[in-house]
């Protein structure tokens, strides 16, 4: 139940974050990172290596891009 809730919260957070960021709202980036972290937590709970890798990498790359962009 908790894992399923995490997955849905992460998905909605990512969609809103990408929508805001695409519309030129810079704060949407924070929602994108938050969604990635929540999906990473869900992946860890599921022991799903591709989801762990993808969301871990996207979160790190997003943070690095923001710091150096």
C-alpha atoms as a PDB file:
ATOM      1  CA  UNK A   1       0.000   0.000   0.000  1.00  0.00           C
ATOM      2  CA  UNK A   2       2.730   2.494   0.953  1.00  0.00           C
ATOM      3  CA  UNK A   3       4.785   1.682  -2.136  1.00  0.00           C
ATOM      4  CA  UNK A   4       1.792   2.121  -4.417  1.00  0.00           C
ATOM      5  CA  UNK A   5       1.014   5.474  -2.787  1.00  0.00           C
ATOM      6  CA  UNK A   6       4.650   6.561  -3.219  1.00  0.00           C
ATOM      7  CA  UNK A   7       4.527   5.677  -6.911  1.00  0.00           C
ATOM      8  CA  UNK A   8       1.355   7.710  -7.498  1.00  0.00           C
ATOM      9  CA  UNK A   9       2.531  10.707  -5.473  1.00  0.00           C
ATOM     10  CA  UNK A  10       5.856  10.668  -7.331  1.00  0.00           C
ATOM     11  CA  UNK A  11       4.140  10.416 -10.703  1.00  0.00           C
ATOM     12  CA  UNK A  12       1.769  13.315 -10.017  1.00  0.00           C
ATOM     13  CA  UNK A  13       4.634  15.392  -8.592  1.00  0.00           C
ATOM     14  CA  UNK A  14       6.754  14.779 -11.705  1.00  0.00           C
ATOM     15  CA  UNK A  15       3.925  15.639 -14.087  1.00  0.00           C
ATOM     16  CA  UNK A  16       3.172  18.907 -12.295  1.00  0.00           C
ATOM     17  CA  UNK A  17       6.883  19.727 -12.022  1.00  0.00           C
ATOM     18  CA  UNK A  18       7.551  19.099 -15.702  1.00  0.00           C
ATOM     19  CA  UNK A  19       4.466  21.072 -16.660  1.00  0.00           C
ATOM     20  CA  UNK A  20       5.487  24.068 -14.568  1.00  0.00           C
ATOM     21  CA  UNK A  21       9.111  23.941 -15.696  1.00  0.00           C
ATOM     22  CA  UNK A  22       8.056  23.641 -19.349  1.00  0.00           C
ATOM     23  CA  UNK A  23       5.811  26.666 -18.861  1.00  0.00           C
ATOM     24  CA  UNK A  24       8.814  28.669 -17.710  1.00  0.00           C
ATOM     25  CA  UNK A  25       8.222  28.433 -13.952  1.00  0.00           C
ATOM     26  CA  UNK A  26      11.715  27.739 -12.569  1.00  0.00           C
ATOM     27  CA  UNK A  27      10.346  26.394  -9.283  1.00  0.00           C
ATOM     28  CA  UNK A  28       8.955  23.414 -11.206  1.00  0.00           C
ATOM     29  CA  UNK A  29      12.490  22.039 -11.026  1.00  0.00           C
ATOM     30  CA  UNK A  30      12.072  21.430  -7.306  1.00  0.00           C
ATOM     31  CA  UNK A  31       9.002  19.294  -7.944  1.00  0.00           C
ATOM     32  CA  UNK A  32      10.891  17.343 -10.595  1.00  0.00           C
ATOM     33  CA  UNK A  33      13.684  16.587  -8.134  1.00  0.00           C
ATOM     34  CA  UNK A  34      11.185  15.744  -5.378  1.00  0.00           C
ATOM     35  CA  UNK A  35       9.301  13.392  -7.716  1.00  0.00           C
ATOM     36  CA  UNK A  36      12.556  11.684  -8.684  1.00  0.00           C
ATOM     37  CA  UNK A  37      13.499  11.204  -5.039  1.00  0.00           C
ATOM     38  CA  UNK A  38      10.081   9.773  -4.197  1.00  0.00           C
ATOM     39  CA  UNK A  39      10.294   7.388  -7.171  1.00  0.00           C
ATOM     40  CA  UNK A  40      13.792   6.427  -6.010  1.00  0.00           C
ATOM     41  CA  UNK A  41      12.359   5.560  -2.589  1.00  0.00           C
ATOM     42  CA  UNK A  42       9.626   3.486  -4.228  1.00  0.00           C
ATOM     43  CA  UNK A  43      12.218   1.700  -6.369  1.00  0.00           C
ATOM     44  CA  UNK A  44      14.276   0.872  -3.297  1.00  0.00           C
ATOM     45  CA  UNK A  45      11.175  -0.513  -1.541  1.00  0.00           C
ATOM     46  CA  UNK A  46      10.409  -2.646  -4.615  1.00  0.00           C
ATOM     47  CA  UNK A  47      14.077  -3.633  -5.070  1.00  0.00           C
ATOM     48  CA  UNK A  48      13.667  -2.635  -8.738  1.00  0.00           C
ATOM     49  CA  UNK A  49      17.186  -1.912  -9.978  1.00  0.00           C
ATOM     50  CA  UNK A  50      16.231  -0.178 -13.261  1.00  0.00           C
ATOM     51  CA  UNK A  51      13.893   2.219 -11.415  1.00  0.00           C
ATOM     52  CA  UNK A  52      16.524   2.833  -8.729  1.00  0.00           C
ATOM     53  CA  UNK A  53      19.194   3.543 -11.335  1.00  0.00           C
ATOM     54  CA  UNK A  54      17.003   5.712 -13.579  1.00  0.00           C
ATOM     55  CA  UNK A  55      15.597   7.898 -10.818  1.00  0.00           C
ATOM     56  CA  UNK A  56      18.868   8.095  -8.923  1.00  0.00           C
ATOM     57  CA  UNK A  57      20.708   9.166 -12.061  1.00  0.00           C
ATOM     58  CA  UNK A  58      18.004  11.629 -13.145  1.00  0.00           C
ATOM     59  CA  UNK A  59      17.963  13.223  -9.696  1.00  0.00           C
ATOM     60  CA  UNK A  60      21.749  13.590  -9.572  1.00  0.00           C
ATOM     61  CA  UNK A  61      21.949  14.883 -13.153  1.00  0.00           C
ATOM     62  CA  UNK A  62      19.109  17.328 -12.473  1.00  0.00           C
ATOM     63  CA  UNK A  63      20.852  18.699  -9.399  1.00  0.00           C
ATOM     64  CA  UNK A  64      24.225  18.954 -11.163  1.00  0.00           C
ATOM     65  CA  UNK A  65      22.572  20.645 -14.141  1.00  0.00           C
ATOM     66  CA  UNK A  66      20.925  23.181 -11.852  1.00  0.00           C
ATOM     67  CA  UNK A  67      24.166  23.911  -9.995  1.00  0.00           C
ATOM     68  CA  UNK A  68      26.230  24.430 -13.149  1.00  0.00           C
ATOM     69  CA  UNK A  69      23.524  25.656 -15.549  1.00  0.00           C
END
